[in-house]
Amino acid sequence: MSRRTPIIVGVTLGLIHFILVGVPFIQSKGGGEGLAYQLLFVDFPLYVVAEVAFQRLLLNSVPFNFFWFVVLGTAMYFLVGYGVCRLFQRAFRKTNAET
Protein backbone atom coordinates (compact mmCIF):
# COMPACT_ATOMS: atom_id res chain seq x y z
CA MET A 1 0.00 0.00 0.00
CA SER A 2 1.23 3.45 -0.79
CA ARG A 3 1.29 6.45 1.51
CA ARG A 4 -1.71 7.92 -0.29
CA THR A 5 -3.96 4.92 0.37
CA PRO A 6 -5.25 6.11 3.81
CA ILE A 7 -6.15 9.49 2.33
CA ILE A 8 -7.96 7.85 -0.58
CA VAL A 9 -9.89 5.56 1.78
CA GLY A 10 -10.76 8.48 4.07
CA VAL A 11 -11.94 10.68 1.21
CA THR A 12 -13.99 7.78 -0.18
CA LEU A 13 -15.76 7.17 3.14
CA GLY A 14 -16.31 10.89 3.61
CA LEU A 15 -17.78 11.18 0.12
CA ILE A 16 -20.09 8.20 0.73
CA HIS A 17 -21.25 9.85 3.96
CA PHE A 18 -21.88 13.13 2.20
CA ILE A 19 -23.91 11.38 -0.50
CA LEU A 20 -25.94 9.37 2.03
CA VAL A 21 -26.50 12.15 4.58
CA GLY A 22 -25.52 15.54 3.15
CA VAL A 23 -27.46 15.44 -0.09
CA PRO A 24 -30.75 14.27 1.53
CA PHE A 25 -30.28 16.83 4.31
CA ILE A 26 -29.88 19.65 1.81
CA GLN A 27 -32.78 18.44 -0.34
CA SER A 28 -35.17 18.16 2.62
CA LYS A 29 -33.96 21.46 4.13
CA GLY A 30 -33.16 19.70 7.38
CA GLY A 31 -36.63 18.37 8.11
CA GLY A 32 -38.50 15.14 7.93
CA GLU A 33 -38.85 11.98 9.94
CA GLY A 34 -37.04 9.81 7.41
CA LEU A 35 -34.00 12.07 7.57
CA ALA A 36 -34.02 11.86 11.37
CA TYR A 37 -33.93 8.05 11.29
CA GLN A 38 -31.20 8.10 8.66
CA LEU A 39 -29.08 10.45 10.77
CA LEU A 40 -29.67 8.29 13.83
CA PHE A 41 -28.41 5.14 12.10
CA VAL A 42 -25.53 6.63 10.10
CA ASP A 43 -24.21 9.14 12.66
CA PHE A 44 -25.06 7.42 15.93
CA PRO A 45 -21.95 8.58 17.85
CA LEU A 46 -22.58 12.20 16.85
CA TYR A 47 -26.25 11.85 17.73
CA VAL A 48 -25.45 10.59 21.24
CA VAL A 49 -23.03 13.46 21.91
CA ALA A 50 -25.51 16.02 20.57
CA GLU A 51 -28.36 14.51 22.59
CA VAL A 52 -26.37 14.78 25.81
CA ALA A 53 -24.61 18.10 25.26
CA PHE A 54 -26.79 20.11 22.87
CA GLN A 55 -30.35 18.80 23.22
CA ARG A 56 -32.07 22.15 22.70
CA LEU A 57 -29.97 22.97 19.62
CA LEU A 58 -30.46 19.46 18.25
CA LEU A 59 -34.23 19.88 18.28
CA ASN A 60 -34.55 23.49 17.12
CA SER A 61 -31.61 24.56 14.97
CA VAL A 62 -31.28 23.51 11.32
CA PRO A 63 -27.88 25.26 10.87
CA PHE A 64 -26.54 23.45 13.94
CA ASN A 65 -27.81 20.13 12.62
CA PHE A 66 -26.25 20.82 9.22
CA PHE A 67 -22.87 21.59 10.77
CA TRP A 68 -23.08 18.76 13.30
CA PHE A 69 -24.24 15.93 11.07
CA VAL A 70 -23.11 16.89 7.57
CA VAL A 71 -19.79 18.62 8.23
CA LEU A 72 -18.64 16.84 11.39
CA GLY A 73 -20.14 13.52 10.24
CA THR A 74 -18.21 13.65 7.00
CA ALA A 75 -15.04 14.54 8.90
CA MET A 76 -15.70 11.66 11.31
CA TYR A 77 -15.99 9.15 8.47
CA PHE A 78 -12.84 10.55 6.84
CA LEU A 79 -10.90 10.15 10.08
CA VAL A 80 -12.23 6.64 10.70
CA GLY A 81 -11.29 5.53 7.18
CA TYR A 82 -7.87 7.13 7.44
CA GLY A 83 -7.19 5.67 10.89
CA VAL A 84 -8.30 2.13 10.05
CA CYS A 85 -6.22 2.13 6.88
CA ARG A 86 -3.16 3.36 8.79
CA LEU A 87 -3.66 0.58 11.37
CA PHE A 88 -3.83 -2.01 8.61
CA GLN A 89 -0.69 -0.57 7.04
CA ARG A 90 1.20 -0.83 10.32
CA ALA A 91 -0.04 -4.35 11.01
CA PHE A 92 0.90 -5.63 7.57
CA ARG A 93 4.23 -3.81 7.63
CA LYS A 94 5.15 -5.60 10.88
CA THR A 95 4.06 -9.02 9.61
CA ASN A 96 5.97 -8.53 6.36
CA ALA A 97 9.10 -7.43 8.24
CA GLU A 98 8.98 -10.51 10.48
CA THR A 99 8.86 -13.01 7.60
PDB file of N, CA and C in Angstrom:
ATOM      1  N   MET A   1       0.835  -1.180   0.000  1.00  0.00           N
ATOM      2  CA  MET A   1       0.000   0.000   0.000  1.00  0.00           C
ATOM      3  C   MET A   1       0.880   1.243   0.000  1.00  0.00           C
ATOM      4  N   SER A   2       0.448   2.215  -0.721  1.00  0.00           N
ATOM      5  CA  SER A   2       1.228   3.448  -0.790  1.00  0.00           C
ATOM      6  C   SER A   2       0.852   4.376   0.362  1.00  0.00           C
ATOM      7  N   ARG A   3       1.556   5.468   0.452  1.00  0.00           N
ATOM      8  CA  ARG A   3       1.289   6.446   1.508  1.00  0.00           C
ATOM      9  C   ARG A   3      -0.019   7.190   1.273  1.00  0.00           C
ATOM     10  N   ARG A   4      -0.467   7.209   0.029  1.00  0.00           N
ATOM     11  CA  ARG A   4      -1.711   7.920  -0.294  1.00  0.00           C
ATOM     12  C   ARG A   4      -2.952   7.083  -0.023  1.00  0.00           C
ATOM     13  N   THR A   5      -2.799   5.797   0.193  1.00  0.00           N
ATOM     14  CA  THR A   5      -3.958   4.918   0.367  1.00  0.00           C
ATOM     15  C   THR A   5      -4.863   5.341   1.521  1.00  0.00           C
ATOM     16  N   PRO A   6      -4.336   5.679   2.733  1.00  0.00           N
ATOM     17  CA  PRO A   6      -5.250   6.112   3.806  1.00  0.00           C
ATOM     18  C   PRO A   6      -6.047   7.361   3.445  1.00  0.00           C
ATOM     19  N   ILE A   7      -5.433   8.282   2.725  1.00  0.00           N
ATOM     20  CA  ILE A   7      -6.150   9.492   2.328  1.00  0.00           C
ATOM     21  C   ILE A   7      -7.249   9.146   1.329  1.00  0.00           C
ATOM     22  N   ILE A   8      -6.958   8.248   0.406  1.00  0.00           N
ATOM     23  CA  ILE A   8      -7.958   7.847  -0.583  1.00  0.00           C
ATOM     24  C   ILE A   8      -9.122   7.147   0.104  1.00  0.00           C
ATOM     25  N   VAL A   9      -8.823   6.257   1.050  1.00  0.00           N
ATOM     26  CA  VAL A   9      -9.890   5.556   1.784  1.00  0.00           C
ATOM     27  C   VAL A   9     -10.710   6.545   2.604  1.00  0.00           C
ATOM     28  N   GLY A  10     -10.045   7.479   3.270  1.00  0.00           N
ATOM     29  CA  GLY A  10     -10.758   8.477   4.069  1.00  0.00           C
ATOM     30  C   GLY A  10     -11.649   9.371   3.226  1.00  0.00           C
ATOM     31  N   VAL A  11     -11.139   9.828   2.102  1.00  0.00           N
ATOM     32  CA  VAL A  11     -11.942  10.676   1.213  1.00  0.00           C
ATOM     33  C   VAL A  11     -13.121   9.887   0.654  1.00  0.00           C
ATOM     34  N   THR A  12     -12.894   8.611   0.337  1.00  0.00           N
ATOM     35  CA  THR A  12     -13.986   7.783  -0.183  1.00  0.00           C
ATOM     36  C   THR A  12     -15.094   7.620   0.844  1.00  0.00           C
ATOM     37  N   LEU A  13     -14.732   7.307   2.092  1.00  0.00           N
ATOM     38  CA  LEU A  13     -15.758   7.169   3.136  1.00  0.00           C
ATOM     39  C   LEU A  13     -16.454   8.494   3.420  1.00  0.00           C
ATOM     40  N   GLY A  14     -15.697   9.581   3.417  1.00  0.00           N
ATOM     41  CA  GLY A  14     -16.308  10.893   3.608  1.00  0.00           C
ATOM     42  C   GLY A  14     -17.274  11.247   2.488  1.00  0.00           C
ATOM     43  N   LEU A  15     -16.908  10.918   1.269  1.00  0.00           N
ATOM     44  CA  LEU A  15     -17.783  11.179   0.123  1.00  0.00           C
ATOM     45  C   LEU A  15     -19.053  10.329   0.189  1.00  0.00           C
ATOM     46  N   ILE A  16     -18.912   9.070   0.573  1.00  0.00           N
ATOM     47  CA  ILE A  16     -20.091   8.204   0.728  1.00  0.00           C
ATOM     48  C   ILE A  16     -21.008   8.776   1.805  1.00  0.00           C
ATOM     49  N   HIS A  17     -20.430   9.248   2.911  1.00  0.00           N
ATOM     50  CA  HIS A  17     -21.252   9.847   3.965  1.00  0.00           C
ATOM     51  C   HIS A  17     -21.957  11.091   3.459  1.00  0.00           C
ATOM     52  N   PHE A  18     -21.249  11.925   2.718  1.00  0.00           N
ATOM     53  CA  PHE A  18     -21.882  13.134   2.203  1.00  0.00           C
ATOM     54  C   PHE A  18     -23.022  12.800   1.254  1.00  0.00           C
ATOM     55  N   ILE A  19     -22.842  11.774   0.434  1.00  0.00           N
ATOM     56  CA  ILE A  19     -23.907  11.381  -0.495  1.00  0.00           C
ATOM     57  C   ILE A  19     -25.098  10.814   0.260  1.00  0.00           C
ATOM     58  N   LEU A  20     -24.843   9.999   1.295  1.00  0.00           N
ATOM     59  CA  LEU A  20     -25.939   9.366   2.031  1.00  0.00           C
ATOM     60  C   LEU A  20     -26.638  10.311   3.002  1.00  0.00           C
ATOM     61  N   VAL A  21     -25.911  11.282   3.559  1.00  0.00           N
ATOM     62  CA  VAL A  21     -26.496  12.153   4.575  1.00  0.00           C
ATOM     63  C   VAL A  21     -26.599  13.605   4.098  1.00  0.00           C
ATOM     64  N   GLY A  22     -25.533  14.127   3.517  1.00  0.00           N
ATOM     65  CA  GLY A  22     -25.516  15.543   3.153  1.00  0.00           C
ATOM     66  C   GLY A  22     -26.509  15.910   2.077  1.00  0.00           C
ATOM     67  N   VAL A  23     -26.546  15.131   1.026  1.00  0.00           N
ATOM     68  CA  VAL A  23     -27.461  15.439  -0.086  1.00  0.00           C
ATOM     69  C   VAL A  23     -28.927  15.351   0.364  1.00  0.00           C
ATOM     70  N   PRO A  24     -29.364  14.276   1.050  1.00  0.00           N
ATOM     71  CA  PRO A  24     -30.754  14.274   1.528  1.00  0.00           C
ATOM     72  C   PRO A  24     -31.054  15.389   2.525  1.00  0.00           C
ATOM     73  N   PHE A  25     -30.076  15.743   3.356  1.00  0.00           N
ATOM     74  CA  PHE A  25     -30.280  16.834   4.314  1.00  0.00           C
ATOM     75  C   PHE A  25     -30.519  18.148   3.588  1.00  0.00           C
ATOM     76  N   ILE A  26     -29.722  18.409   2.577  1.00  0.00           N
ATOM     77  CA  ILE A  26     -29.879  19.652   1.812  1.00  0.00           C
ATOM     78  C   ILE A  26     -31.186  19.651   1.035  1.00  0.00           C
ATOM     79  N   GLN A  27     -31.548  18.504   0.445  1.00  0.00           N
ATOM     80  CA  GLN A  27     -32.783  18.437  -0.335  1.00  0.00           C
ATOM     81  C   GLN A  27     -34.022  18.595   0.532  1.00  0.00           C
ATOM     82  N   SER A  28     -33.991  18.066   1.751  1.00  0.00           N
ATOM     83  CA  SER A  28     -35.170  18.161   2.617  1.00  0.00           C
ATOM     84  C   SER A  28     -35.149  19.408   3.486  1.00  0.00           C
ATOM     85  N   LYS A  29     -34.122  20.236   3.349  1.00  0.00           N
ATOM     86  CA  LYS A  29     -33.961  21.463   4.133  1.00  0.00           C
ATOM     87  C   LYS A  29     -33.923  21.177   5.630  1.00  0.00           C
ATOM     88  N   GLY A  30     -33.374  20.038   5.984  1.00  0.00           N
ATOM     89  CA  GLY A  30     -33.161  19.697   7.384  1.00  0.00           C
ATOM     90  C   GLY A  30     -34.379  19.206   8.123  1.00  0.00           C
ATOM     91  N   GLY A  31     -35.429  18.832   7.438  1.00  0.00           N
ATOM     92  CA  GLY A  31     -36.628  18.368   8.113  1.00  0.00           C
ATOM     93  C   GLY A  31     -37.058  17.009   7.623  1.00  0.00           C
ATOM     94  N   GLY A  32     -37.943  16.417   8.358  1.00  0.00           N
ATOM     95  CA  GLY A  32     -38.496  15.138   7.931  1.00  0.00           C
ATOM     96  C   GLY A  32     -38.118  14.000   8.854  1.00  0.00           C
ATOM     97  N   GLU A  33     -39.059  13.109   9.052  1.00  0.00           N
ATOM     98  CA  GLU A  33     -38.855  11.984   9.941  1.00  0.00           C
ATOM     99  C   GLU A  33     -37.884  10.963   9.351  1.00  0.00           C
ATOM    100  N   GLY A  34     -37.953  10.754   8.050  1.00  0.00           N
ATOM    101  CA  GLY A  34     -37.041   9.813   7.405  1.00  0.00           C
ATOM    102  C   GLY A  34     -35.599  10.243   7.547  1.00  0.00           C
ATOM    103  N   LEU A  35     -35.351  11.546   7.407  1.00  0.00           N
ATOM    104  CA  LEU A  35     -34.001  12.068   7.575  1.00  0.00           C
ATOM    105  C   LEU A  35     -33.521  11.871   9.007  1.00  0.00           C
ATOM    106  N   ALA A  36     -34.409  12.047   9.966  1.00  0.00           N
ATOM    107  CA  ALA A  36     -34.022  11.862  11.373  1.00  0.00           C
ATOM    108  C   ALA A  36     -33.590  10.426  11.635  1.00  0.00           C
ATOM    109  N   TYR A  37     -34.323   9.453  11.104  1.00  0.00           N
ATOM    110  CA  TYR A  37     -33.928   8.055  11.292  1.00  0.00           C
ATOM    111  C   TYR A  37     -32.620   7.752  10.572  1.00  0.00           C
ATOM    112  N   GLN A  38     -32.442   8.315   9.402  1.00  0.00           N
ATOM    113  CA  GLN A  38     -31.199   8.097   8.659  1.00  0.00           C
ATOM    114  C   GLN A  38     -30.011   8.668   9.427  1.00  0.00           C
ATOM    115  N   LEU A  39     -30.158   9.863   9.980  1.00  0.00           N
ATOM    116  CA  LEU A  39     -29.083  10.448  10.770  1.00  0.00           C
ATOM    117  C   LEU A  39     -28.804   9.623  12.017  1.00  0.00           C
ATOM    118  N   LEU A  40     -29.843   9.099  12.628  1.00  0.00           N
ATOM    119  CA  LEU A  40     -29.668   8.287  13.827  1.00  0.00           C
ATOM    120  C   LEU A  40     -28.849   7.046  13.531  1.00  0.00           C
ATOM    121  N   PHE A  41     -29.120   6.373  12.425  1.00  0.00           N
ATOM    122  CA  PHE A  41     -28.406   5.143  12.103  1.00  0.00           C
ATOM    123  C   PHE A  41     -26.997   5.399  11.561  1.00  0.00           C
ATOM    124  N   VAL A  42     -26.828   6.398  10.734  1.00  0.00           N
ATOM    125  CA  VAL A  42     -25.534   6.626  10.096  1.00  0.00           C
ATOM    126  C   VAL A  42     -24.573   7.351  11.035  1.00  0.00           C
ATOM    127  N   ASP A  43     -25.057   8.315  11.786  1.00  0.00           N
ATOM    128  CA  ASP A  43     -24.208   9.139  12.655  1.00  0.00           C
ATOM    129  C   ASP A  43     -24.541   8.938  14.126  1.00  0.00           C
ATOM    130  N   PHE A  44     -24.655   7.696  14.553  1.00  0.00           N
ATOM    131  CA  PHE A  44     -25.063   7.420  15.928  1.00  0.00           C
ATOM    132  C   PHE A  44     -24.129   8.043  16.967  1.00  0.00           C
ATOM    133  N   PRO A  45     -22.795   7.947  16.831  1.00  0.00           N
ATOM    134  CA  PRO A  45     -21.946   8.585  17.854  1.00  0.00           C
ATOM    135  C   PRO A  45     -22.162  10.097  17.953  1.00  0.00           C
ATOM    136  N   LEU A  46     -22.319  10.757  16.820  1.00  0.00           N
ATOM    137  CA  LEU A  46     -22.575  12.200  16.855  1.00  0.00           C
ATOM    138  C   LEU A  46     -23.944  12.508  17.446  1.00  0.00           C
ATOM    139  N   TYR A  47     -24.920  11.647  17.178  1.00  0.00           N
ATOM    140  CA  TYR A  47     -26.254  11.851  17.731  1.00  0.00           C
ATOM    141  C   TYR A  47     -26.228  11.747  19.255  1.00  0.00           C
ATOM    142  N   VAL A  48     -25.506  10.774  19.788  1.00  0.00           N
ATOM    143  CA  VAL A  48     -25.447  10.592  21.243  1.00  0.00           C
ATOM    144  C   VAL A  48     -24.792  11.806  21.902  1.00  0.00           C
ATOM    145  N   VAL A  49     -23.703  12.286  21.348  1.00  0.00           N
ATOM    146  CA  VAL A  49     -23.031  13.459  21.914  1.00  0.00           C
ATOM    147  C   VAL A  49     -23.942  14.688  21.832  1.00  0.00           C
ATOM    148  N   ALA A  50     -24.613  14.872  20.715  1.00  0.00           N
ATOM    149  CA  ALA A  50     -25.512  16.022  20.567  1.00  0.00           C
ATOM    150  C   ALA A  50     -26.711  15.907  21.497  1.00  0.00           C
ATOM    151  N   GLU A  51     -27.214  14.704  21.701  1.00  0.00           N
ATOM    152  CA  GLU A  51     -28.359  14.508  22.589  1.00  0.00           C
ATOM    153  C   GLU A  51     -27.988  14.861  24.031  1.00  0.00           C
ATOM    154  N   VAL A  52     -26.801  14.511  24.441  1.00  0.00           N
ATOM    155  CA  VAL A  52     -26.371  14.784  25.806  1.00  0.00           C
ATOM    156  C   VAL A  52     -25.975  16.241  25.983  1.00  0.00           C
ATOM    157  N   ALA A  53     -25.191  16.773  25.071  1.00  0.00           N
ATOM    158  CA  ALA A  53     -24.608  18.096  25.263  1.00  0.00           C
ATOM    159  C   ALA A  53     -25.444  19.241  24.685  1.00  0.00           C
ATOM    160  N   PHE A  54     -26.129  19.009  23.585  1.00  0.00           N
ATOM    161  CA  PHE A  54     -26.790  20.109  22.872  1.00  0.00           C
ATOM    162  C   PHE A  54     -28.245  19.775  22.555  1.00  0.00           C
ATOM    163  N   GLN A  55     -28.998  19.281  23.514  1.00  0.00           N
ATOM    164  CA  GLN A  55     -30.347  18.802  23.220  1.00  0.00           C
ATOM    165  C   GLN A  55     -31.248  19.888  22.645  1.00  0.00           C
ATOM    166  N   ARG A  56     -31.205  21.084  23.193  1.00  0.00           N
ATOM    167  CA  ARG A  56     -32.070  22.149  22.697  1.00  0.00           C
ATOM    168  C   ARG A  56     -31.693  22.546  21.266  1.00  0.00           C
ATOM    169  N   LEU A  57     -30.396  22.647  20.975  1.00  0.00           N
ATOM    170  CA  LEU A  57     -29.965  22.974  19.619  1.00  0.00           C
ATOM    171  C   LEU A  57     -30.297  21.850  18.649  1.00  0.00           C
ATOM    172  N   LEU A  58     -30.177  20.612  19.112  1.00  0.00           N
ATOM    173  CA  LEU A  58     -30.461  19.464  18.254  1.00  0.00           C
ATOM    174  C   LEU A  58     -31.904  19.480  17.775  1.00  0.00           C
ATOM    175  N   LEU A  59     -32.816  19.906  18.636  1.00  0.00           N
ATOM    176  CA  LEU A  59     -34.234  19.883  18.278  1.00  0.00           C
ATOM    177  C   LEU A  59     -34.678  21.107  17.489  1.00  0.00           C
ATOM    178  N   ASN A  60     -34.005  22.245  17.657  1.00  0.00           N
ATOM    179  CA  ASN A  60     -34.553  23.488  17.120  1.00  0.00           C
ATOM    180  C   ASN A  60     -33.711  24.193  16.072  1.00  0.00           C
ATOM    181  N   SER A  61     -32.497  23.774  15.823  1.00  0.00           N
ATOM    182  CA  SER A  61     -31.615  24.557  14.967  1.00  0.00           C
ATOM    183  C   SER A  61     -31.172  23.763  13.736  1.00  0.00           C
ATOM    184  N   VAL A  62     -31.682  24.164  12.573  1.00  0.00           N
ATOM    185  CA  VAL A  62     -31.281  23.511  11.324  1.00  0.00           C
ATOM    186  C   VAL A  62     -29.815  23.803  10.985  1.00  0.00           C
ATOM    187  N   PRO A  63     -29.307  25.049  11.144  1.00  0.00           N
ATOM    188  CA  PRO A  63     -27.880  25.265  10.869  1.00  0.00           C
ATOM    189  C   PRO A  63     -26.959  24.434  11.769  1.00  0.00           C
ATOM    190  N   PHE A  64     -27.339  24.296  13.044  1.00  0.00           N
ATOM    191  CA  PHE A  64     -26.539  23.452  13.941  1.00  0.00           C
ATOM    192  C   PHE A  64     -26.554  22.006  13.468  1.00  0.00           C
ATOM    193  N   ASN A  65     -27.717  21.506  13.098  1.00  0.00           N
ATOM    194  CA  ASN A  65     -27.811  20.131  12.616  1.00  0.00           C
ATOM    195  C   ASN A  65     -27.010  19.930  11.336  1.00  0.00           C
ATOM    196  N   PHE A  66     -27.042  20.921  10.447  1.00  0.00           N
ATOM    197  CA  PHE A  66     -26.252  20.819   9.223  1.00  0.00           C
ATOM    198  C   PHE A  66     -24.775  20.717   9.561  1.00  0.00           C
ATOM    199  N   PHE A  67     -24.282  21.624  10.410  1.00  0.00           N
ATOM    200  CA  PHE A  67     -22.872  21.587  10.775  1.00  0.00           C
ATOM    201  C   PHE A  67     -22.534  20.292  11.512  1.00  0.00           C
ATOM    202  N   TRP A  68     -23.388  19.913  12.453  1.00  0.00           N
ATOM    203  CA  TRP A  68     -23.084  18.760  13.305  1.00  0.00           C
ATOM    204  C   TRP A  68     -23.080  17.452  12.515  1.00  0.00           C
ATOM    205  N   PHE A  69     -24.120  17.224  11.729  1.00  0.00           N
ATOM    206  CA  PHE A  69     -24.243  15.928  11.071  1.00  0.00           C
ATOM    207  C   PHE A  69     -23.567  15.881   9.700  1.00  0.00           C
ATOM    208  N   VAL A  70     -23.681  16.932   8.921  1.00  0.00           N
ATOM    209  CA  VAL A  70     -23.110  16.890   7.569  1.00  0.00           C
ATOM    210  C   VAL A  70     -21.614  17.169   7.609  1.00  0.00           C
ATOM    211  N   VAL A  71     -21.212  18.252   8.234  1.00  0.00           N
ATOM    212  CA  VAL A  71     -19.793  18.620   8.229  1.00  0.00           C
ATOM    213  C   VAL A  71     -18.987  17.727   9.164  1.00  0.00           C
ATOM    214  N   LEU A  72     -19.394  17.662  10.441  1.00  0.00           N
ATOM    215  CA  LEU A  72     -18.641  16.836  11.386  1.00  0.00           C
ATOM    216  C   LEU A  72     -18.799  15.344  11.097  1.00  0.00           C
ATOM    217  N   GLY A  73     -19.956  14.935  10.597  1.00  0.00           N
ATOM    218  CA  GLY A  73     -20.142  13.523  10.244  1.00  0.00           C
ATOM    219  C   GLY A  73     -19.232  13.096   9.108  1.00  0.00           C
ATOM    220  N   THR A  74     -19.111  13.954   8.108  1.00  0.00           N
ATOM    221  CA  THR A  74     -18.210  13.654   6.996  1.00  0.00           C
ATOM    222  C   THR A  74     -16.767  13.615   7.478  1.00  0.00           C
ATOM    223  N   ALA A  75     -16.393  14.550   8.339  1.00  0.00           N
ATOM    224  CA  ALA A  75     -15.036  14.535   8.903  1.00  0.00           C
ATOM    225  C   ALA A  75     -14.811  13.284   9.747  1.00  0.00           C
ATOM    226  N   MET A  76     -15.825  12.864  10.493  1.00  0.00           N
ATOM    227  CA  MET A  76     -15.697  11.657  11.311  1.00  0.00           C
ATOM    228  C   MET A  76     -15.448  10.430  10.431  1.00  0.00           C
ATOM    229  N   TYR A  77     -16.187  10.297   9.354  1.00  0.00           N
ATOM    230  CA  TYR A  77     -15.985   9.151   8.469  1.00  0.00           C
ATOM    231  C   TYR A  77     -14.634   9.213   7.762  1.00  0.00           C
ATOM    232  N   PHE A  78     -14.172  10.413   7.416  1.00  0.00           N
ATOM    233  CA  PHE A  78     -12.837  10.552   6.836  1.00  0.00           C
ATOM    234  C   PHE A  78     -11.786  10.066   7.832  1.00  0.00           C
ATOM    235  N   LEU A  79     -11.887  10.523   9.080  1.00  0.00           N
ATOM    236  CA  LEU A  79     -10.895  10.147  10.082  1.00  0.00           C
ATOM    237  C   LEU A  79     -10.939   8.661  10.408  1.00  0.00           C
ATOM    238  N   VAL A  80     -12.125   8.081  10.444  1.00  0.00           N
ATOM    239  CA  VAL A  80     -12.233   6.638  10.695  1.00  0.00           C
ATOM    240  C   VAL A  80     -11.592   5.857   9.551  1.00  0.00           C
ATOM    241  N   GLY A  81     -11.888   6.220   8.320  1.00  0.00           N
ATOM    242  CA  GLY A  81     -11.287   5.534   7.179  1.00  0.00           C
ATOM    243  C   GLY A  81      -9.785   5.681   7.149  1.00  0.00           C
ATOM    244  N   TYR A  82      -9.307   6.880   7.420  1.00  0.00           N
ATOM    245  CA  TYR A  82      -7.873   7.133   7.442  1.00  0.00           C
ATOM    246  C   TYR A  82      -7.205   6.325   8.556  1.00  0.00           C
ATOM    247  N   GLY A  83      -7.783   6.365   9.753  1.00  0.00           N
ATOM    248  CA  GLY A  83      -7.194   5.675  10.892  1.00  0.00           C
ATOM    249  C   GLY A  83      -7.164   4.165  10.728  1.00  0.00           C
ATOM    250  N   VAL A  84      -8.254   3.585  10.252  1.00  0.00           N
ATOM    251  CA  VAL A  84      -8.303   2.135  10.051  1.00  0.00           C
ATOM    252  C   VAL A  84      -7.300   1.705   8.993  1.00  0.00           C
ATOM    253  N   CYS A  85      -7.186   2.465   7.937  1.00  0.00           N
ATOM    254  CA  CYS A  85      -6.225   2.128   6.881  1.00  0.00           C
ATOM    255  C   CYS A  85      -4.795   2.231   7.405  1.00  0.00           C
ATOM    256  N   ARG A  86      -4.495   3.246   8.202  1.00  0.00           N
ATOM    257  CA  ARG A  86      -3.159   3.358   8.788  1.00  0.00           C
ATOM    258  C   ARG A  86      -2.865   2.183   9.724  1.00  0.00           C
ATOM    259  N   LEU A  87      -3.862   1.746  10.503  1.00  0.00           N
ATOM    260  CA  LEU A  87      -3.661   0.583  11.373  1.00  0.00           C
ATOM    261  C   LEU A  87      -3.369  -0.668  10.561  1.00  0.00           C
ATOM    262  N   PHE A  88      -4.093  -0.866   9.476  1.00  0.00           N
ATOM    263  CA  PHE A  88      -3.826  -2.010   8.606  1.00  0.00           C
ATOM    264  C   PHE A  88      -2.432  -1.919   7.996  1.00  0.00           C
ATOM    265  N   GLN A  89      -2.032  -0.731   7.602  1.00  0.00           N
ATOM    266  CA  GLN A  89      -0.693  -0.572   7.036  1.00  0.00           C
ATOM    267  C   GLN A  89       0.379  -0.953   8.059  1.00  0.00           C
ATOM    268  N   ARG A  90       0.215  -0.500   9.283  1.00  0.00           N
ATOM    269  CA  ARG A  90       1.204  -0.827  10.317  1.00  0.00           C
ATOM    270  C   ARG A  90       1.204  -2.314  10.629  1.00  0.00           C
ATOM    271  N   ALA A  91       0.038  -2.921  10.703  1.00  0.00           N
ATOM    272  CA  ALA A  91      -0.041  -4.349  11.011  1.00  0.00           C
ATOM    273  C   ALA A  91       0.603  -5.179   9.912  1.00  0.00           C
ATOM    274  N   PHE A  92       0.324  -4.867   8.666  1.00  0.00           N
ATOM    275  CA  PHE A  92       0.897  -5.633   7.570  1.00  0.00           C
ATOM    276  C   PHE A  92       2.376  -5.332   7.387  1.00  0.00           C
ATOM    277  N   ARG A  93       2.813  -4.145   7.725  1.00  0.00           N
ATOM    278  CA  ARG A  93       4.226  -3.812   7.632  1.00  0.00           C
ATOM    279  C   ARG A  93       5.017  -4.635   8.644  1.00  0.00           C
ATOM    280  N   LYS A  94       4.466  -4.811   9.863  1.00  0.00           N
ATOM    281  CA  LYS A  94       5.146  -5.605  10.883  1.00  0.00           C
ATOM    282  C   LYS A  94       5.182  -7.080  10.516  1.00  0.00           C
ATOM    283  N   THR A  95       4.076  -7.602   9.974  1.00  0.00           N
ATOM    284  CA  THR A  95       4.059  -9.020   9.607  1.00  0.00           C
ATOM    285  C   THR A  95       4.962  -9.285   8.430  1.00  0.00           C
ATOM    286  N   ASN A  96       5.063  -8.366   7.501  1.00  0.00           N
ATOM    287  CA  ASN A  96       5.967  -8.533   6.364  1.00  0.00           C
ATOM    288  C   ASN A  96       7.428  -8.424   6.785  1.00  0.00           C
ATOM    289  N   ALA A  97       7.728  -7.589   7.770  1.00  0.00           N
ATOM    290  CA  ALA A  97       9.095  -7.430   8.235  1.00  0.00           C
ATOM    291  C   ALA A  97       9.558  -8.660   9.015  1.00  0.00           C
ATOM    292  N   GLU A  98       8.629  -9.344   9.686  1.00  0.00           N
ATOM    293  CA  GLU A  98       8.977 -10.507  10.478  1.00  0.00           C
ATOM    294  C   GLU A  98       9.253 -11.734   9.614  1.00  0.00           C
ATOM    295  N   THR A  99       8.669 -11.816   8.431  1.00  0.00           N
ATOM    296  CA  THR A  99       8.862 -13.009   7.598  1.00  0.00           C
ATOM    297  C   THR A  99      10.072 -12.933   6.723  1.00  0.00           C
TER     298      THR A  99
END
